[in-house]
Amino acid sequence: MKAKIHPKYYPEARAICSCGNIWTTGSTMPEIRTDVCSVCHPFYTGEQRIVDTAGQVERFMNRLKRYGSHQEEKAQRTARLQAKEQQSFLKQQLIALDLPDRVFTILSDADYITVGDIVNQLEADEKVLLDLSGFGPKSLEQVKEKVELAQSAVAVAR
């Protein structure tokens, strides 16, 4: 062994933990300071405590929070888009439903101009439509079928 190249060895070096635990060990330093020891480490104590070194846990939690807010914003954008598409569907002219000519003429003469007019009337009271001259249960069934078909086509397009 070469002389004067090795550090001084302290057989009774003190190790001090941030929790207050002190023990002796051999070291090249007279005193050692640590953040965690076997007395306070969660692995040894069985606690569900997170040991944060250099803010890693905080950075992870921030990233998780950003992901959650991103997912929320995405859901809100999707909801707004669906509402916009629904409004666009309801503003279409009645001819977009491709109804039989007789049914289309009856509804046009009764001042139903847009798909929204028909949908609102179906939701409010179907009997008003049945009271129209020449508009019977079969015509009502055709209108409902065409509206549902058009709404499902709008939903599929999303």
N, C-alpha and C. Protein backbone atom coordinates (compact mmCIF):
# COMPACT_ATOMS: atom_id res chain seq x y z
N MET A 1 0.84 -1.16 0.00
CA MET A 1 0.00 0.00 0.00
C MET A 1 0.90 1.24 0.00
N LYS A 2 0.55 2.25 -0.82
CA LYS A 2 1.34 3.46 -0.87
C LYS A 2 1.06 4.32 0.35
N ALA A 3 2.05 4.99 0.79
CA ALA A 3 1.90 5.85 1.97
C ALA A 3 1.34 7.21 1.57
N LYS A 4 0.54 7.82 2.46
CA LYS A 4 0.01 9.17 2.36
C LYS A 4 -0.93 9.41 1.16
N ILE A 5 -1.58 8.38 0.63
CA ILE A 5 -2.57 8.60 -0.43
C ILE A 5 -3.97 8.22 0.01
N HIS A 6 -4.11 7.56 1.14
CA HIS A 6 -5.42 7.13 1.60
C HIS A 6 -5.98 8.13 2.60
N PRO A 7 -7.32 8.33 2.58
CA PRO A 7 -7.92 9.24 3.56
C PRO A 7 -7.86 8.64 4.96
N LYS A 8 -8.03 9.51 5.96
CA LYS A 8 -8.01 9.06 7.34
C LYS A 8 -9.30 8.29 7.62
N TYR A 9 -9.20 7.21 8.31
CA TYR A 9 -10.34 6.36 8.63
C TYR A 9 -10.76 6.61 10.07
N TYR A 10 -12.08 6.84 10.26
CA TYR A 10 -12.64 7.07 11.58
C TYR A 10 -13.48 5.86 11.96
N PRO A 11 -13.00 4.99 12.85
CA PRO A 11 -13.76 3.80 13.22
C PRO A 11 -15.00 4.12 14.05
N GLU A 12 -15.04 5.26 14.69
CA GLU A 12 -16.18 5.65 15.52
C GLU A 12 -16.88 6.89 14.94
N ALA A 13 -17.11 6.94 13.64
CA ALA A 13 -17.79 8.08 13.01
C ALA A 13 -19.26 8.07 13.41
N ARG A 14 -19.81 9.26 13.62
CA ARG A 14 -21.22 9.38 14.01
C ARG A 14 -22.07 9.61 12.75
N ALA A 15 -23.14 8.85 12.64
CA ALA A 15 -24.12 9.03 11.57
C ALA A 15 -25.37 9.62 12.21
N ILE A 16 -25.83 10.76 11.67
CA ILE A 16 -26.98 11.46 12.25
C ILE A 16 -28.05 11.58 11.16
N CYS A 17 -29.26 11.10 11.48
CA CYS A 17 -30.39 11.16 10.54
C CYS A 17 -31.23 12.40 10.85
N SER A 18 -31.98 12.87 9.86
CA SER A 18 -32.84 14.04 10.07
C SER A 18 -33.97 13.74 11.06
N CYS A 19 -34.26 12.46 11.30
CA CYS A 19 -35.31 12.10 12.27
C CYS A 19 -34.78 12.15 13.70
N GLY A 20 -33.45 12.31 13.85
CA GLY A 20 -32.87 12.38 15.18
C GLY A 20 -32.13 11.13 15.61
N ASN A 21 -32.20 10.08 14.86
CA ASN A 21 -31.51 8.83 15.19
C ASN A 21 -30.00 9.01 14.99
N ILE A 22 -29.20 8.53 15.94
CA ILE A 22 -27.74 8.64 15.87
C ILE A 22 -27.15 7.25 16.09
N TRP A 23 -26.15 6.88 15.29
CA TRP A 23 -25.45 5.61 15.46
C TRP A 23 -23.99 5.80 15.02
N THR A 24 -23.19 4.84 15.40
CA THR A 24 -21.76 4.92 15.05
C THR A 24 -21.44 3.88 13.99
N THR A 25 -20.48 4.25 13.14
CA THR A 25 -20.05 3.36 12.06
C THR A 25 -18.63 3.74 11.67
N GLY A 26 -18.01 2.99 10.83
CA GLY A 26 -16.69 3.35 10.33
C GLY A 26 -16.82 4.14 9.04
N SER A 27 -16.02 5.21 8.91
CA SER A 27 -16.13 6.05 7.72
C SER A 27 -14.85 6.85 7.53
N THR A 28 -14.72 7.49 6.41
CA THR A 28 -13.59 8.39 6.16
C THR A 28 -13.94 9.81 6.56
N MET A 29 -15.15 10.01 7.08
CA MET A 29 -15.59 11.32 7.56
C MET A 29 -15.94 11.18 9.04
N PRO A 30 -15.65 12.19 9.87
CA PRO A 30 -15.95 12.05 11.31
C PRO A 30 -17.45 12.08 11.60
N GLU A 31 -18.24 12.76 10.72
CA GLU A 31 -19.68 12.87 10.95
C GLU A 31 -20.41 12.76 9.60
N ILE A 32 -21.49 11.97 9.57
CA ILE A 32 -22.28 11.77 8.35
C ILE A 32 -23.71 12.18 8.65
N ARG A 33 -24.29 12.97 7.78
CA ARG A 33 -25.70 13.39 7.94
C ARG A 33 -26.53 12.77 6.81
N THR A 34 -27.68 12.17 7.16
CA THR A 34 -28.55 11.54 6.16
C THR A 34 -29.98 12.06 6.33
N ASP A 35 -30.76 11.89 5.27
CA ASP A 35 -32.17 12.29 5.31
C ASP A 35 -33.06 11.17 5.83
N VAL A 36 -32.69 9.93 5.53
CA VAL A 36 -33.52 8.77 5.86
C VAL A 36 -32.64 7.67 6.44
N CYS A 37 -33.15 6.98 7.44
CA CYS A 37 -32.44 5.83 8.01
C CYS A 37 -33.41 4.67 8.20
N SER A 38 -32.94 3.57 8.76
CA SER A 38 -33.80 2.40 8.94
C SER A 38 -34.89 2.64 9.98
N VAL A 39 -34.76 3.68 10.79
CA VAL A 39 -35.77 3.98 11.80
C VAL A 39 -36.95 4.73 11.18
N CYS A 40 -36.68 5.57 10.20
CA CYS A 40 -37.75 6.41 9.65
C CYS A 40 -38.12 6.07 8.20
N HIS A 41 -37.40 5.19 7.53
CA HIS A 41 -37.71 4.85 6.14
C HIS A 41 -39.03 4.08 6.06
N PRO A 42 -39.93 4.44 5.12
CA PRO A 42 -41.23 3.77 5.03
C PRO A 42 -41.14 2.26 4.80
N PHE A 43 -40.11 1.80 4.15
CA PHE A 43 -39.96 0.36 3.92
C PHE A 43 -39.83 -0.39 5.24
N TYR A 44 -39.09 0.19 6.18
CA TYR A 44 -38.87 -0.46 7.47
C TYR A 44 -39.99 -0.19 8.46
N THR A 45 -40.62 0.97 8.36
CA THR A 45 -41.66 1.32 9.34
C THR A 45 -43.04 0.83 8.93
N GLY A 46 -43.25 0.56 7.64
CA GLY A 46 -44.56 0.10 7.17
C GLY A 46 -45.53 1.23 6.94
N GLU A 47 -45.09 2.47 7.04
CA GLU A 47 -45.96 3.62 6.80
C GLU A 47 -46.21 3.79 5.32
N GLN A 48 -47.28 4.50 4.98
CA GLN A 48 -47.55 4.83 3.58
C GLN A 48 -47.10 6.26 3.32
N ARG A 49 -45.91 6.56 3.71
CA ARG A 49 -45.36 7.89 3.56
C ARG A 49 -44.49 7.91 2.30
N ILE A 50 -44.54 8.99 1.57
CA ILE A 50 -43.75 9.13 0.35
C ILE A 50 -42.49 9.92 0.67
N VAL A 51 -41.36 9.35 0.34
CA VAL A 51 -40.09 10.04 0.54
C VAL A 51 -39.80 10.81 -0.74
N ASP A 52 -39.84 12.12 -0.66
CA ASP A 52 -39.67 12.97 -1.83
C ASP A 52 -38.22 13.42 -1.93
N THR A 53 -37.56 13.00 -2.98
CA THR A 53 -36.19 13.44 -3.19
C THR A 53 -36.16 14.33 -4.41
N ALA A 54 -35.69 15.52 -4.22
CA ALA A 54 -35.54 16.51 -5.29
C ALA A 54 -36.87 16.86 -5.97
N GLY A 55 -37.98 16.79 -5.25
CA GLY A 55 -39.27 17.22 -5.79
C GLY A 55 -39.87 16.30 -6.84
N GLN A 56 -39.43 15.06 -6.91
CA GLN A 56 -39.93 14.15 -7.93
C GLN A 56 -41.41 13.87 -7.76
N VAL A 57 -41.84 13.67 -6.53
CA VAL A 57 -43.25 13.38 -6.29
C VAL A 57 -44.10 14.59 -6.66
N GLU A 58 -43.65 15.77 -6.29
CA GLU A 58 -44.39 16.98 -6.61
C GLU A 58 -44.50 17.17 -8.13
N ARG A 59 -43.40 16.92 -8.85
CA ARG A 59 -43.44 17.04 -10.31
C ARG A 59 -44.41 16.02 -10.92
N PHE A 60 -44.40 14.81 -10.37
CA PHE A 60 -45.32 13.79 -10.86
C PHE A 60 -46.76 14.20 -10.60
N MET A 61 -47.04 14.69 -9.40
CA MET A 61 -48.41 15.10 -9.07
C MET A 61 -48.86 16.25 -9.97
N ASN A 62 -47.97 17.20 -10.26
CA ASN A 62 -48.30 18.29 -11.17
C ASN A 62 -48.61 17.77 -12.57
N ARG A 63 -47.81 16.82 -13.03
CA ARG A 63 -48.03 16.23 -14.34
C ARG A 63 -49.38 15.51 -14.37
N LEU A 64 -49.70 14.79 -13.30
CA LEU A 64 -50.97 14.09 -13.20
C LEU A 64 -52.14 15.07 -13.22
N LYS A 65 -51.97 16.18 -12.51
CA LYS A 65 -53.01 17.21 -12.47
C LYS A 65 -53.23 17.82 -13.86
N ARG A 66 -52.12 18.09 -14.57
CA ARG A 66 -52.22 18.64 -15.94
C ARG A 66 -52.93 17.66 -16.86
N TYR A 67 -52.62 16.37 -16.71
CA TYR A 67 -53.28 15.36 -17.54
C TYR A 67 -54.78 15.34 -17.26
N GLY A 68 -55.16 15.42 -15.99
CA GLY A 68 -56.58 15.44 -15.62
C GLY A 68 -57.29 16.65 -16.20
N SER A 69 -56.66 17.82 -16.11
CA SER A 69 -57.28 19.02 -16.66
C SER A 69 -57.35 18.94 -18.18
N HIS A 70 -56.34 18.30 -18.80
CA HIS A 70 -56.37 18.13 -20.26
C HIS A 70 -57.54 17.24 -20.66
N GLN A 71 -57.77 16.18 -19.90
CA GLN A 71 -58.88 15.28 -20.20
C GLN A 71 -60.22 16.01 -20.02
N GLU A 72 -60.31 16.85 -18.99
CA GLU A 72 -61.53 17.64 -18.77
C GLU A 72 -61.79 18.57 -19.93
N GLU A 73 -60.75 19.28 -20.36
CA GLU A 73 -60.89 20.20 -21.49
C GLU A 73 -61.29 19.46 -22.75
N LYS A 74 -60.73 18.28 -22.96
CA LYS A 74 -61.07 17.48 -24.13
C LYS A 74 -62.55 17.09 -24.10
N ALA A 75 -63.04 16.68 -22.93
CA ALA A 75 -64.45 16.31 -22.78
C ALA A 75 -65.35 17.52 -23.03
N GLN A 76 -64.94 18.69 -22.54
CA GLN A 76 -65.73 19.91 -22.77
C GLN A 76 -65.75 20.28 -24.24
N ARG A 77 -64.59 20.16 -24.91
CA ARG A 77 -64.54 20.46 -26.35
C ARG A 77 -65.45 19.50 -27.13
N THR A 78 -65.42 18.22 -26.75
CA THR A 78 -66.26 17.24 -27.42
C THR A 78 -67.73 17.56 -27.21
N ALA A 79 -68.10 17.93 -25.99
CA ALA A 79 -69.49 18.27 -25.69
C ALA A 79 -69.92 19.50 -26.49
N ARG A 80 -69.04 20.52 -26.57
CA ARG A 80 -69.38 21.71 -27.36
C ARG A 80 -69.54 21.37 -28.83
N LEU A 81 -68.66 20.52 -29.34
CA LEU A 81 -68.74 20.11 -30.74
C LEU A 81 -70.04 19.36 -31.01
N GLN A 82 -70.42 18.47 -30.11
CA GLN A 82 -71.66 17.73 -30.28
C GLN A 82 -72.87 18.66 -30.25
N ALA A 83 -72.85 19.62 -29.33
CA ALA A 83 -73.95 20.59 -29.26
C ALA A 83 -74.01 21.42 -30.53
N LYS A 84 -72.85 21.81 -31.05
CA LYS A 84 -72.81 22.60 -32.28
C LYS A 84 -73.35 21.79 -33.47
N GLU A 85 -72.95 20.50 -33.55
CA GLU A 85 -73.45 19.64 -34.62
C GLU A 85 -74.95 19.43 -34.49
N GLN A 86 -75.43 19.28 -33.26
CA GLN A 86 -76.87 19.11 -33.04
C GLN A 86 -77.62 20.35 -33.48
N GLN A 87 -77.09 21.53 -33.14
CA GLN A 87 -77.73 22.78 -33.56
C GLN A 87 -77.73 22.90 -35.07
N SER A 88 -76.61 22.52 -35.68
CA SER A 88 -76.51 22.56 -37.14
C SER A 88 -77.55 21.63 -37.77
N PHE A 89 -77.71 20.46 -37.17
CA PHE A 89 -78.71 19.51 -37.66
C PHE A 89 -80.11 20.09 -37.54
N LEU A 90 -80.41 20.70 -36.42
CA LEU A 90 -81.75 21.24 -36.20
C LEU A 90 -82.06 22.44 -37.10
N LYS A 91 -81.01 23.16 -37.57
CA LYS A 91 -81.23 24.32 -38.43
C LYS A 91 -81.38 23.96 -39.91
N GLN A 92 -81.19 22.69 -40.24
CA GLN A 92 -81.32 22.26 -41.63
C GLN A 92 -82.76 22.44 -42.10
N GLN A 93 -82.90 22.65 -43.39
CA GLN A 93 -84.22 22.75 -43.98
C GLN A 93 -84.92 21.39 -43.90
N LEU A 94 -86.21 21.42 -43.91
CA LEU A 94 -87.03 20.21 -43.78
C LEU A 94 -86.74 19.22 -44.91
N ILE A 95 -86.36 19.72 -46.04
CA ILE A 95 -86.10 18.85 -47.20
C ILE A 95 -84.92 17.91 -46.95
N ALA A 96 -84.06 18.25 -46.00
CA ALA A 96 -82.89 17.42 -45.68
C ALA A 96 -83.31 16.06 -45.11
N LEU A 97 -84.52 15.94 -44.58
CA LEU A 97 -84.99 14.67 -44.04
C LEU A 97 -85.39 13.69 -45.14
N ASP A 98 -85.53 14.16 -46.36
CA ASP A 98 -85.89 13.30 -47.49
C ASP A 98 -87.21 12.58 -47.23
N LEU A 99 -88.22 13.37 -46.83
CA LEU A 99 -89.55 12.83 -46.55
C LEU A 99 -90.30 12.59 -47.86
N PRO A 100 -91.29 11.72 -47.82
CA PRO A 100 -92.14 11.57 -49.02
C PRO A 100 -92.76 12.92 -49.38
N ASP A 101 -93.02 13.13 -50.67
CA ASP A 101 -93.51 14.43 -51.15
C ASP A 101 -94.80 14.86 -50.46
N ARG A 102 -95.73 13.93 -50.28
CA ARG A 102 -97.01 14.27 -49.65
C ARG A 102 -96.79 14.78 -48.23
N VAL A 103 -95.95 14.09 -47.43
CA VAL A 103 -95.68 14.48 -46.04
C VAL A 103 -94.95 15.82 -46.01
N PHE A 104 -93.97 15.97 -46.91
CA PHE A 104 -93.21 17.22 -46.97
C PHE A 104 -94.13 18.40 -47.29
N THR A 105 -95.04 18.20 -48.23
CA THR A 105 -95.97 19.27 -48.61
C THR A 105 -96.88 19.65 -47.43
N ILE A 106 -97.40 18.65 -46.75
CA ILE A 106 -98.30 18.91 -45.61
C ILE A 106 -97.56 19.71 -44.53
N LEU A 107 -96.33 19.29 -44.21
CA LEU A 107 -95.56 19.98 -43.17
C LEU A 107 -95.15 21.38 -43.61
N SER A 108 -94.80 21.56 -44.86
CA SER A 108 -94.42 22.88 -45.37
C SER A 108 -95.61 23.83 -45.33
N ASP A 109 -96.79 23.32 -45.72
CA ASP A 109 -98.00 24.15 -45.69
C ASP A 109 -98.38 24.55 -44.27
N ALA A 110 -97.95 23.73 -43.28
CA ALA A 110 -98.25 24.02 -41.88
C ALA A 110 -97.14 24.86 -41.24
N ASP A 111 -96.26 25.44 -42.06
CA ASP A 111 -95.18 26.33 -41.61
C ASP A 111 -94.10 25.64 -40.77
N TYR A 112 -93.86 24.36 -41.02
CA TYR A 112 -92.71 23.68 -40.43
C TYR A 112 -91.59 23.80 -41.45
N ILE A 113 -90.57 24.60 -41.13
CA ILE A 113 -89.54 24.92 -42.11
C ILE A 113 -88.24 24.15 -41.87
N THR A 114 -87.86 24.03 -40.61
CA THR A 114 -86.58 23.38 -40.31
C THR A 114 -86.81 22.05 -39.60
N VAL A 115 -85.76 21.25 -39.55
CA VAL A 115 -85.81 19.98 -38.83
C VAL A 115 -86.07 20.24 -37.35
N GLY A 116 -85.51 21.33 -36.82
CA GLY A 116 -85.72 21.70 -35.43
C GLY A 116 -87.19 21.94 -35.11
N ASP A 117 -87.93 22.51 -36.06
CA ASP A 117 -89.36 22.73 -35.85
C ASP A 117 -90.07 21.39 -35.64
N ILE A 118 -89.73 20.41 -36.46
CA ILE A 118 -90.37 19.10 -36.35
C ILE A 118 -89.95 18.40 -35.06
N VAL A 119 -88.64 18.44 -34.74
CA VAL A 119 -88.14 17.77 -33.52
C VAL A 119 -88.80 18.39 -32.29
N ASN A 120 -88.89 19.70 -32.24
CA ASN A 120 -89.53 20.37 -31.10
C ASN A 120 -91.00 19.97 -30.99
N GLN A 121 -91.68 19.88 -32.13
CA GLN A 121 -93.10 19.50 -32.10
C GLN A 121 -93.25 18.05 -31.66
N LEU A 122 -92.36 17.17 -32.10
CA LEU A 122 -92.42 15.77 -31.68
C LEU A 122 -92.20 15.64 -30.17
N GLU A 123 -91.27 16.45 -29.63
CA GLU A 123 -91.00 16.41 -28.20
C GLU A 123 -92.15 17.02 -27.39
N ALA A 124 -92.75 18.08 -27.94
CA ALA A 124 -93.81 18.77 -27.21
C ALA A 124 -95.13 17.99 -27.26
N ASP A 125 -95.66 17.77 -28.47
CA ASP A 125 -96.96 17.11 -28.59
C ASP A 125 -97.13 16.60 -30.01
N GLU A 126 -97.15 15.31 -30.16
CA GLU A 126 -97.31 14.68 -31.48
C GLU A 126 -98.72 14.86 -32.02
N LYS A 127 -99.67 15.04 -31.13
CA LYS A 127 -101.07 15.14 -31.55
C LYS A 127 -101.31 16.35 -32.44
N VAL A 128 -100.52 17.40 -32.26
CA VAL A 128 -100.66 18.59 -33.12
C VAL A 128 -100.36 18.21 -34.56
N LEU A 129 -99.36 17.39 -34.76
CA LEU A 129 -99.04 16.94 -36.12
C LEU A 129 -100.15 16.05 -36.67
N LEU A 130 -100.70 15.19 -35.83
CA LEU A 130 -101.78 14.30 -36.27
C LEU A 130 -103.05 15.08 -36.62
N ASP A 131 -103.18 16.28 -36.07
CA ASP A 131 -104.36 17.11 -36.36
C ASP A 131 -104.26 17.79 -37.72
N LEU A 132 -103.08 17.76 -38.34
CA LEU A 132 -102.93 18.36 -39.67
C LEU A 132 -103.74 17.55 -40.68
N SER A 133 -104.34 18.24 -41.61
CA SER A 133 -105.16 17.59 -42.63
C SER A 133 -104.28 16.71 -43.52
N GLY A 134 -104.60 15.42 -43.61
CA GLY A 134 -103.88 14.49 -44.46
C GLY A 134 -102.65 13.87 -43.79
N PHE A 135 -102.41 14.21 -42.53
CA PHE A 135 -101.24 13.70 -41.81
C PHE A 135 -101.73 12.70 -40.78
N GLY A 136 -101.44 11.41 -41.01
CA GLY A 136 -101.93 10.36 -40.13
C GLY A 136 -100.80 9.67 -39.38
N PRO A 137 -101.15 8.58 -38.70
CA PRO A 137 -100.16 7.83 -37.92
C PRO A 137 -98.98 7.32 -38.77
N LYS A 138 -99.28 6.91 -39.99
CA LYS A 138 -98.21 6.41 -40.85
C LYS A 138 -97.25 7.54 -41.22
N SER A 139 -97.77 8.72 -41.48
CA SER A 139 -96.92 9.88 -41.79
C SER A 139 -96.07 10.24 -40.57
N LEU A 140 -96.68 10.18 -39.38
CA LEU A 140 -95.96 10.46 -38.15
C LEU A 140 -94.82 9.45 -37.96
N GLU A 141 -95.10 8.21 -38.24
CA GLU A 141 -94.08 7.17 -38.12
C GLU A 141 -92.93 7.41 -39.11
N GLN A 142 -93.27 7.83 -40.33
CA GLN A 142 -92.24 8.12 -41.32
C GLN A 142 -91.35 9.29 -40.88
N VAL A 143 -91.99 10.33 -40.34
CA VAL A 143 -91.24 11.50 -39.88
C VAL A 143 -90.29 11.10 -38.74
N LYS A 144 -90.82 10.35 -37.76
CA LYS A 144 -89.98 9.91 -36.63
C LYS A 144 -88.79 9.08 -37.12
N GLU A 145 -89.07 8.18 -38.05
CA GLU A 145 -88.02 7.31 -38.58
C GLU A 145 -86.94 8.13 -39.28
N LYS A 146 -87.34 9.11 -40.09
CA LYS A 146 -86.37 9.93 -40.81
C LYS A 146 -85.55 10.80 -39.86
N VAL A 147 -86.21 11.33 -38.82
CA VAL A 147 -85.50 12.16 -37.83
C VAL A 147 -84.48 11.31 -37.08
N GLU A 148 -84.88 10.13 -36.64
CA GLU A 148 -83.94 9.24 -35.92
C GLU A 148 -82.78 8.82 -36.82
N LEU A 149 -83.09 8.54 -38.07
CA LEU A 149 -82.05 8.14 -39.02
C LEU A 149 -81.05 9.28 -39.23
N ALA A 150 -81.57 10.50 -39.37
CA ALA A 150 -80.70 11.68 -39.58
C ALA A 150 -79.87 11.96 -38.32
N GLN A 151 -80.48 11.82 -37.15
CA GLN A 151 -79.73 12.04 -35.91
C GLN A 151 -78.64 11.00 -35.71
N SER A 152 -78.92 9.76 -36.05
CA SER A 152 -77.90 8.72 -35.92
C SER A 152 -76.78 8.95 -36.93
N ALA A 153 -77.11 9.48 -38.11
CA ALA A 153 -76.08 9.79 -39.10
C ALA A 153 -75.17 10.92 -38.61
N VAL A 154 -75.75 11.89 -37.92
CA VAL A 154 -74.96 12.98 -37.34
C VAL A 154 -74.06 12.44 -36.24
N ALA A 155 -74.59 11.52 -35.42
CA ALA A 155 -73.80 10.93 -34.33
C ALA A 155 -72.66 10.08 -34.88
N VAL A 156 -72.88 9.36 -35.96
CA VAL A 156 -71.83 8.52 -36.56
C VAL A 156 -70.74 9.40 -37.17
N ALA A 157 -71.13 10.54 -37.71
CA ALA A 157 -70.16 11.44 -38.35
C ALA A 157 -69.17 11.99 -37.34
N ARG A 158 -69.54 12.01 -36.05
CA ARG A 158 -68.64 12.51 -35.02
C ARG A 158 -67.52 11.55 -34.90
